[in-house]
């Protein structure tokens, strides 16, 4: 519990009753919790508090969760901060918009407090997994520094969003191997967390835009591979 006690969570939702309920249950588990009821306050608090996890309601008046996420990801200090959307919306387009903005996950409303706390712990537990020594992966003109979280595509060094980096590292761990979709979900998002059907497709498309269309192959109906 010692590691969890120091971890900070920023909750953002325009419904005060939901904020207080989730805040109460997280604080019972030892988290330091800060809350905001709108996007502009959320940005200010994120900069001052430097939370380990930011949970954003996707539908808020004024600046919605997607816009807040976009602005956070544009700041170097929040490039790899965990961001999850808390939302009642299940339409495919809203999930795609969220992942395009750089979100790591979704937590669906209505959410039971115990389930919410469990998911928060699962997200943070995976983020604390650190590599003890410097390692690199290299194939087809792309090099990954796993310790520095950097990708070199032959022309420039890239700092990818967390999930894009993890996905690329997985594919490059075994060049030429076809990773099935359910295998990718399990490695990158975990079987216990909800993600939409097109989550992988969105991340693959973003990776291809950054490292080249020909480096990641699609095996229809099965999955993806990094071309050796």
C-alpha atoms as a PDB file:
ATOM      1  CA  UNK A   1       0.000   0.000   0.000  1.00  0.00           C
ATOM      2  CA  UNK A   2       2.935   2.375   0.504  1.00  0.00           C
ATOM      3  CA  UNK A   3       3.178   3.131  -3.226  1.00  0.00           C
ATOM      4  CA  UNK A   4      -0.532   3.737  -3.578  1.00  0.00           C
ATOM      5  CA  UNK A   5      -0.655   6.140  -0.634  1.00  0.00           C
ATOM      6  CA  UNK A   6       1.342   8.773  -2.498  1.00  0.00           C
ATOM      7  CA  UNK A   7      -0.454   8.509  -5.830  1.00  0.00           C
ATOM      8  CA  UNK A   8      -2.572  11.422  -7.019  1.00  0.00           C
ATOM      9  CA  UNK A   9      -5.790  11.318  -9.010  1.00  0.00           C
ATOM     10  CA  UNK A  10      -7.556  14.255 -10.659  1.00  0.00           C
ATOM     11  CA  UNK A  11     -11.305  13.686 -11.145  1.00  0.00           C
ATOM     12  CA  UNK A  12     -13.171  15.941 -13.577  1.00  0.00           C
ATOM     13  CA  UNK A  13     -16.967  15.836 -13.920  1.00  0.00           C
ATOM     14  CA  UNK A  14     -19.686  18.496 -13.981  1.00  0.00           C
ATOM     15  CA  UNK A  15     -21.883  16.334 -11.717  1.00  0.00           C
ATOM     16  CA  UNK A  16     -20.803  17.182  -8.169  1.00  0.00           C
ATOM     17  CA  UNK A  17     -22.506  14.162  -6.572  1.00  0.00           C
ATOM     18  CA  UNK A  18     -20.522  11.775  -8.764  1.00  0.00           C
ATOM     19  CA  UNK A  19     -17.288  13.598  -7.962  1.00  0.00           C
ATOM     20  CA  UNK A  20     -17.873  13.395  -4.228  1.00  0.00           C
ATOM     21  CA  UNK A  21     -18.825   9.717  -4.328  1.00  0.00           C
ATOM     22  CA  UNK A  22     -15.737   8.710  -6.301  1.00  0.00           C
ATOM     23  CA  UNK A  23     -13.503  11.023  -4.312  1.00  0.00           C
ATOM     24  CA  UNK A  24     -14.678   9.553  -1.015  1.00  0.00           C
ATOM     25  CA  UNK A  25     -14.000   5.978  -2.133  1.00  0.00           C
ATOM     26  CA  UNK A  26     -10.558   6.762  -3.551  1.00  0.00           C
ATOM     27  CA  UNK A  27      -9.498   8.666  -0.446  1.00  0.00           C
ATOM     28  CA  UNK A  28     -10.544   5.694   1.693  1.00  0.00           C
ATOM     29  CA  UNK A  29      -7.925   3.706  -0.215  1.00  0.00           C
ATOM     30  CA  UNK A  30      -5.202   6.258   0.454  1.00  0.00           C
ATOM     31  CA  UNK A  31      -5.179   8.217  -2.811  1.00  0.00           C
ATOM     32  CA  UNK A  32      -4.734  11.976  -2.856  1.00  0.00           C
ATOM     33  CA  UNK A  33      -7.707  13.235  -4.873  1.00  0.00           C
ATOM     34  CA  UNK A  34      -8.302  16.608  -6.502  1.00  0.00           C
ATOM     35  CA  UNK A  35     -11.563  17.466  -8.275  1.00  0.00           C
ATOM     36  CA  UNK A  36     -12.742  19.907 -10.933  1.00  0.00           C
ATOM     37  CA  UNK A  37     -16.180  20.516 -12.439  1.00  0.00           C
ATOM     38  CA  UNK A  38     -15.041  21.965 -15.764  1.00  0.00           C
ATOM     39  CA  UNK A  39     -12.271  21.653 -18.332  1.00  0.00           C
ATOM     40  CA  UNK A  40     -10.518  24.949 -17.671  1.00  0.00           C
ATOM     41  CA  UNK A  41     -10.140  24.257 -13.952  1.00  0.00           C
ATOM     42  CA  UNK A  42      -8.985  20.745 -14.803  1.00  0.00           C
ATOM     43  CA  UNK A  43      -6.104  22.103 -16.907  1.00  0.00           C
ATOM     44  CA  UNK A  44      -5.030  24.452 -14.115  1.00  0.00           C
ATOM     45  CA  UNK A  45      -5.142  21.712 -11.481  1.00  0.00           C
ATOM     46  CA  UNK A  46      -3.291  19.253 -13.705  1.00  0.00           C
ATOM     47  CA  UNK A  47      -0.433  21.738 -14.074  1.00  0.00           C
ATOM     48  CA  UNK A  48      -0.245  22.473 -10.344  1.00  0.00           C
ATOM     49  CA  UNK A  49      -0.884  18.984  -8.942  1.00  0.00           C
ATOM     50  CA  UNK A  50       0.874  16.784 -11.563  1.00  0.00           C
ATOM     51  CA  UNK A  51      -1.511  13.829 -10.976  1.00  0.00           C
ATOM     52  CA  UNK A  52      -0.596  10.221 -11.755  1.00  0.00           C
ATOM     53  CA  UNK A  53      -4.042   9.647 -13.260  1.00  0.00           C
ATOM     54  CA  UNK A  54      -6.613  12.031 -14.720  1.00  0.00           C
ATOM     55  CA  UNK A  55     -10.222  10.835 -15.050  1.00  0.00           C
ATOM     56  CA  UNK A  56     -12.267  13.048 -17.382  1.00  0.00           C
ATOM     57  CA  UNK A  57     -15.985  13.135 -18.028  1.00  0.00           C
ATOM     58  CA  UNK A  58     -16.257  13.225 -21.813  1.00  0.00           C
ATOM     59  CA  UNK A  59     -19.443  15.341 -21.903  1.00  0.00           C
ATOM     60  CA  UNK A  60     -19.030  18.669 -20.104  1.00  0.00           C
ATOM     61  CA  UNK A  61     -20.341  22.133 -20.959  1.00  0.00           C
ATOM     62  CA  UNK A  62     -17.835  24.535 -22.422  1.00  0.00           C
ATOM     63  CA  UNK A  63     -14.637  22.539 -22.852  1.00  0.00           C
ATOM     64  CA  UNK A  64     -15.416  18.816 -23.073  1.00  0.00           C
ATOM     65  CA  UNK A  65     -13.183  15.944 -21.998  1.00  0.00           C
ATOM     66  CA  UNK A  66     -11.786  15.323 -25.480  1.00  0.00           C
ATOM     67  CA  UNK A  67     -10.576  18.922 -25.776  1.00  0.00           C
ATOM     68  CA  UNK A  68      -9.031  18.785 -22.291  1.00  0.00           C
ATOM     69  CA  UNK A  69      -7.228  15.577 -23.238  1.00  0.00           C
ATOM     70  CA  UNK A  70      -5.993  17.111 -26.484  1.00  0.00           C
ATOM     71  CA  UNK A  71      -4.560  20.105 -24.661  1.00  0.00           C
ATOM     72  CA  UNK A  72      -2.896  17.947 -22.001  1.00  0.00           C
ATOM     73  CA  UNK A  73      -1.249  15.678 -24.564  1.00  0.00           C
ATOM     74  CA  UNK A  74       0.138  18.753 -26.331  1.00  0.00           C
ATOM     75  CA  UNK A  75       2.156  19.551 -23.182  1.00  0.00           C
ATOM     76  CA  UNK A  76       5.408  17.572 -22.790  1.00  0.00           C
ATOM     77  CA  UNK A  77       4.844  17.012 -19.063  1.00  0.00           C
ATOM     78  CA  UNK A  78       1.561  15.197 -19.741  1.00  0.00           C
ATOM     79  CA  UNK A  79       2.682  13.158 -22.735  1.00  0.00           C
ATOM     80  CA  UNK A  80       2.648   9.922 -20.720  1.00  0.00           C
ATOM     81  CA  UNK A  81       0.268  10.760 -17.867  1.00  0.00           C
ATOM     82  CA  UNK A  82      -2.534   8.214 -17.560  1.00  0.00           C
ATOM     83  CA  UNK A  83      -5.846   9.634 -18.808  1.00  0.00           C
ATOM     84  CA  UNK A  84      -9.168   7.784 -18.664  1.00  0.00           C
ATOM     85  CA  UNK A  85     -12.616   8.924 -19.745  1.00  0.00           C
ATOM     86  CA  UNK A  86     -15.593   8.525 -17.442  1.00  0.00           C
ATOM     87  CA  UNK A  87     -18.623   8.463 -19.701  1.00  0.00           C
ATOM     88  CA  UNK A  88     -22.104   7.095 -20.210  1.00  0.00           C
ATOM     89  CA  UNK A  89     -21.669   7.279 -23.978  1.00  0.00           C
ATOM     90  CA  UNK A  90     -20.952   3.989 -25.725  1.00  0.00           C
ATOM     91  CA  UNK A  91     -21.115   5.090 -29.361  1.00  0.00           C
ATOM     92  CA  UNK A  92     -18.163   4.010 -31.461  1.00  0.00           C
ATOM     93  CA  UNK A  93     -17.380   7.552 -32.628  1.00  0.00           C
ATOM     94  CA  UNK A  94     -16.998   8.908 -29.093  1.00  0.00           C
ATOM     95  CA  UNK A  95     -14.485   6.204 -28.238  1.00  0.00           C
ATOM     96  CA  UNK A  96     -12.516   6.865 -31.408  1.00  0.00           C
ATOM     97  CA  UNK A  97     -12.467  10.601 -30.642  1.00  0.00           C
ATOM     98  CA  UNK A  98     -11.165   9.861 -27.165  1.00  0.00           C
ATOM     99  CA  UNK A  99      -8.388   7.559 -28.281  1.00  0.00           C
ATOM    100  CA  UNK A 100      -7.467   9.979 -31.069  1.00  0.00           C
ATOM    101  CA  UNK A 101      -6.982  12.586 -28.350  1.00  0.00           C
ATOM    102  CA  UNK A 102      -4.625  10.250 -26.501  1.00  0.00           C
ATOM    103  CA  UNK A 103      -6.789   8.653 -23.803  1.00  0.00           C
ATOM    104  CA  UNK A 104      -5.558   5.413 -22.253  1.00  0.00           C
ATOM    105  CA  UNK A 105      -8.916   3.945 -21.282  1.00  0.00           C
ATOM    106  CA  UNK A 106     -12.636   4.289 -20.678  1.00  0.00           C
ATOM    107  CA  UNK A 107     -14.626   3.746 -17.481  1.00  0.00           C
ATOM    108  CA  UNK A 108     -18.343   3.480 -18.164  1.00  0.00           C
ATOM    109  CA  UNK A 109     -21.147   5.206 -16.243  1.00  0.00           C
ATOM    110  CA  UNK A 110     -23.005   4.360 -14.128  1.00  0.00           C
ATOM    111  CA  UNK A 111     -19.992   3.083 -12.231  1.00  0.00           C
ATOM    112  CA  UNK A 112     -20.029   1.272  -8.916  1.00  0.00           C
ATOM    113  CA  UNK A 113     -17.499   2.805  -6.503  1.00  0.00           C
ATOM    114  CA  UNK A 114     -15.738  -0.500  -5.756  1.00  0.00           C
ATOM    115  CA  UNK A 115     -15.416  -1.281  -9.460  1.00  0.00           C
ATOM    116  CA  UNK A 116     -14.115   2.223 -10.113  1.00  0.00           C
ATOM    117  CA  UNK A 117     -11.442   1.927  -7.404  1.00  0.00           C
ATOM    118  CA  UNK A 118     -10.396  -1.487  -8.739  1.00  0.00           C
ATOM    119  CA  UNK A 119      -9.962  -0.094 -12.248  1.00  0.00           C
ATOM    120  CA  UNK A 120      -8.000   2.895 -10.999  1.00  0.00           C
ATOM    121  CA  UNK A 121      -5.655   0.556  -9.121  1.00  0.00           C
ATOM    122  CA  UNK A 122      -5.248  -1.651 -12.196  1.00  0.00           C
ATOM    123  CA  UNK A 123      -4.327   1.317 -14.391  1.00  0.00           C
ATOM    124  CA  UNK A 124      -1.804   2.663 -11.914  1.00  0.00           C
ATOM    125  CA  UNK A 125      -0.314  -0.739 -11.182  1.00  0.00           C
ATOM    126  CA  UNK A 126       0.551  -1.257 -14.832  1.00  0.00           C
ATOM    127  CA  UNK A 127       1.976   2.258 -15.090  1.00  0.00           C
ATOM    128  CA  UNK A 128       4.346   1.565 -12.165  1.00  0.00           C
ATOM    129  CA  UNK A 129       5.944  -1.359 -13.954  1.00  0.00           C
ATOM    130  CA  UNK A 130       9.411  -0.066 -14.638  1.00  0.00           C
ATOM    131  CA  UNK A 131      12.270  -1.647 -16.508  1.00  0.00           C
ATOM    132  CA  UNK A 132      15.388  -1.940 -14.342  1.00  0.00           C
ATOM    133  CA  UNK A 133      17.929  -1.759 -17.154  1.00  0.00           C
ATOM    134  CA  UNK A 134      18.266   0.008 -20.465  1.00  0.00           C
ATOM    135  CA  UNK A 135      16.951  -2.042 -23.362  1.00  0.00           C
ATOM    136  CA  UNK A 136      16.444  -1.380 -27.025  1.00  0.00           C
ATOM    137  CA  UNK A 137      14.504  -3.019 -29.827  1.00  0.00           C
ATOM    138  CA  UNK A 138      15.528  -2.562 -33.436  1.00  0.00           C
ATOM    139  CA  UNK A 139      14.042  -3.789 -36.716  1.00  0.00           C
ATOM    140  CA  UNK A 140      13.353  -2.510 -40.238  1.00  0.00           C
ATOM    141  CA  UNK A 141      14.976   0.868 -39.652  1.00  0.00           C
ATOM    142  CA  UNK A 142      13.133   1.579 -36.386  1.00  0.00           C
ATOM    143  CA  UNK A 143      14.835   1.622 -32.978  1.00  0.00           C
ATOM    144  CA  UNK A 144      13.059   1.772 -29.616  1.00  0.00           C
ATOM    145  CA  UNK A 145      14.716   2.797 -26.372  1.00  0.00           C
ATOM    146  CA  UNK A 146      12.527   1.142 -23.749  1.00  0.00           C
ATOM    147  CA  UNK A 147      14.090   3.005 -20.842  1.00  0.00           C
ATOM    148  CA  UNK A 148      13.922   6.492 -22.316  1.00  0.00           C
ATOM    149  CA  UNK A 149      10.587   5.783 -24.038  1.00  0.00           C
ATOM    150  CA  UNK A 150      11.913   7.051 -27.354  1.00  0.00           C
ATOM    151  CA  UNK A 151      11.414   5.837 -30.926  1.00  0.00           C
ATOM    152  CA  UNK A 152      13.848   6.593 -33.745  1.00  0.00           C
ATOM    153  CA  UNK A 153      12.329   6.057 -37.179  1.00  0.00           C
ATOM    154  CA  UNK A 154      15.493   6.622 -39.194  1.00  0.00           C
ATOM    155  CA  UNK A 155      14.919  10.361 -39.507  1.00  0.00           C
ATOM    156  CA  UNK A 156      13.999  11.679 -36.071  1.00  0.00           C
ATOM    157  CA  UNK A 157      13.380  10.804 -32.437  1.00  0.00           C
ATOM    158  CA  UNK A 158       9.696  10.463 -31.592  1.00  0.00           C
ATOM    159  CA  UNK A 159       7.941  10.584 -28.235  1.00  0.00           C
ATOM    160  CA  UNK A 160       4.775   8.565 -28.734  1.00  0.00           C
ATOM    161  CA  UNK A 161       1.709   8.536 -26.478  1.00  0.00           C
ATOM    162  CA  UNK A 162       1.887   5.740 -23.900  1.00  0.00           C
ATOM    163  CA  UNK A 163      -0.397   3.203 -25.594  1.00  0.00           C
ATOM    164  CA  UNK A 164       1.084   3.775 -29.046  1.00  0.00           C
ATOM    165  CA  UNK A 165       4.561   3.203 -27.627  1.00  0.00           C
ATOM    166  CA  UNK A 166       3.509   0.022 -25.823  1.00  0.00           C
ATOM    167  CA  UNK A 167       1.786  -1.316 -28.943  1.00  0.00           C
ATOM    168  CA  UNK A 168       4.817  -0.646 -31.138  1.00  0.00           C
ATOM    169  CA  UNK A 169       7.132  -2.234 -28.557  1.00  0.00           C
ATOM    170  CA  UNK A 170       4.935  -5.340 -28.461  1.00  0.00           C
ATOM    171  CA  UNK A 171       4.924  -5.734 -32.240  1.00  0.00           C
ATOM    172  CA  UNK A 172       8.678  -5.102 -32.460  1.00  0.00           C
ATOM    173  CA  UNK A 173       9.433  -7.592 -29.707  1.00  0.00           C
ATOM    174  CA  UNK A 174       8.974 -10.334 -32.320  1.00  0.00           C
ATOM    175  CA  UNK A 175       9.292  -8.946 -35.849  1.00  0.00           C
ATOM    176  CA  UNK A 176       7.352 -10.988 -38.386  1.00  0.00           C
ATOM    177  CA  UNK A 177       5.114 -12.584 -35.743  1.00  0.00           C
ATOM    178  CA  UNK A 178       1.392 -12.035 -36.210  1.00  0.00           C
ATOM    179  CA  UNK A 179      -0.126 -10.782 -32.954  1.00  0.00           C
ATOM    180  CA  UNK A 180      -3.809 -11.662 -32.703  1.00  0.00           C
ATOM    181  CA  UNK A 181      -6.204  -8.901 -31.721  1.00  0.00           C
ATOM    182  CA  UNK A 182      -7.172 -10.495 -28.400  1.00  0.00           C
ATOM    183  CA  UNK A 183      -3.478 -10.989 -27.609  1.00  0.00           C
ATOM    184  CA  UNK A 184      -2.828  -7.296 -28.234  1.00  0.00           C
ATOM    185  CA  UNK A 185      -5.775  -6.282 -26.052  1.00  0.00           C
ATOM    186  CA  UNK A 186      -4.522  -8.483 -23.209  1.00  0.00           C
ATOM    187  CA  UNK A 187      -0.968  -7.126 -23.370  1.00  0.00           C
ATOM    188  CA  UNK A 188      -1.731  -3.449 -23.818  1.00  0.00           C
ATOM    189  CA  UNK A 189      -5.093  -2.807 -22.150  1.00  0.00           C
ATOM    190  CA  UNK A 190      -5.651  -5.839 -19.955  1.00  0.00           C
ATOM    191  CA  UNK A 191      -8.608  -8.180 -20.017  1.00  0.00           C
ATOM    192  CA  UNK A 192     -10.231  -6.440 -17.045  1.00  0.00           C
ATOM    193  CA  UNK A 193     -10.599  -3.031 -18.700  1.00  0.00           C
ATOM    194  CA  UNK A 194     -13.186  -1.969 -21.267  1.00  0.00           C
ATOM    195  CA  UNK A 195     -12.011  -0.837 -24.678  1.00  0.00           C
ATOM    196  CA  UNK A 196     -13.925  -0.437 -27.925  1.00  0.00           C
ATOM    197  CA  UNK A 197     -13.668  -2.778 -30.908  1.00  0.00           C
ATOM    198  CA  UNK A 198     -11.779  -0.214 -33.005  1.00  0.00           C
ATOM    199  CA  UNK A 199      -9.241   0.750 -30.370  1.00  0.00           C
ATOM    200  CA  UNK A 200      -6.403  -1.236 -31.953  1.00  0.00           C
ATOM    201  CA  UNK A 201      -7.228   0.024 -35.459  1.00  0.00           C
ATOM    202  CA  UNK A 202      -7.027   3.645 -34.317  1.00  0.00           C
ATOM    203  CA  UNK A 203      -3.644   3.128 -32.658  1.00  0.00           C
ATOM    204  CA  UNK A 204      -2.232   1.196 -35.625  1.00  0.00           C
ATOM    205  CA  UNK A 205      -3.269   3.983 -37.992  1.00  0.00           C
ATOM    206  CA  UNK A 206      -1.581   6.591 -35.794  1.00  0.00           C
ATOM    207  CA  UNK A 207       1.609   4.519 -35.667  1.00  0.00           C
ATOM    208  CA  UNK A 208       1.680   4.110 -39.444  1.00  0.00           C
ATOM    209  CA  UNK A 209       1.392   7.876 -39.855  1.00  0.00           C
ATOM    210  CA  UNK A 210       4.484   8.338 -37.680  1.00  0.00           C
ATOM    211  CA  UNK A 211       6.833   5.476 -38.612  1.00  0.00           C
ATOM    212  CA  UNK A 212       5.687   4.611 -42.139  1.00  0.00           C
ATOM    213  CA  UNK A 213       2.810   2.724 -43.739  1.00  0.00           C
ATOM    214  CA  UNK A 214       4.949  -0.245 -44.810  1.00  0.00           C
ATOM    215  CA  UNK A 215       6.381  -1.158 -41.407  1.00  0.00           C
ATOM    216  CA  UNK A 216       3.214  -2.573 -39.834  1.00  0.00           C
ATOM    217  CA  UNK A 217       1.371  -5.271 -41.750  1.00  0.00           C
ATOM    218  CA  UNK A 218      -2.274  -6.322 -41.447  1.00  0.00           C
ATOM    219  CA  UNK A 219      -3.314  -9.965 -41.547  1.00  0.00           C
ATOM    220  CA  UNK A 220      -7.030  -9.739 -42.263  1.00  0.00           C
ATOM    221  CA  UNK A 221      -9.256 -11.338 -39.683  1.00  0.00           C
ATOM    222  CA  UNK A 222      -6.318 -12.164 -37.416  1.00  0.00           C
ATOM    223  CA  UNK A 223      -4.201  -9.220 -36.327  1.00  0.00           C
ATOM    224  CA  UNK A 224      -1.033  -7.219 -37.013  1.00  0.00           C
ATOM    225  CA  UNK A 225       2.716  -7.746 -37.363  1.00  0.00           C
ATOM    226  CA  UNK A 226       5.847  -5.624 -37.556  1.00  0.00           C
ATOM    227  CA  UNK A 227       7.491  -6.296 -40.899  1.00  0.00           C
ATOM    228  CA  UNK A 228      10.955  -7.780 -40.391  1.00  0.00           C
END
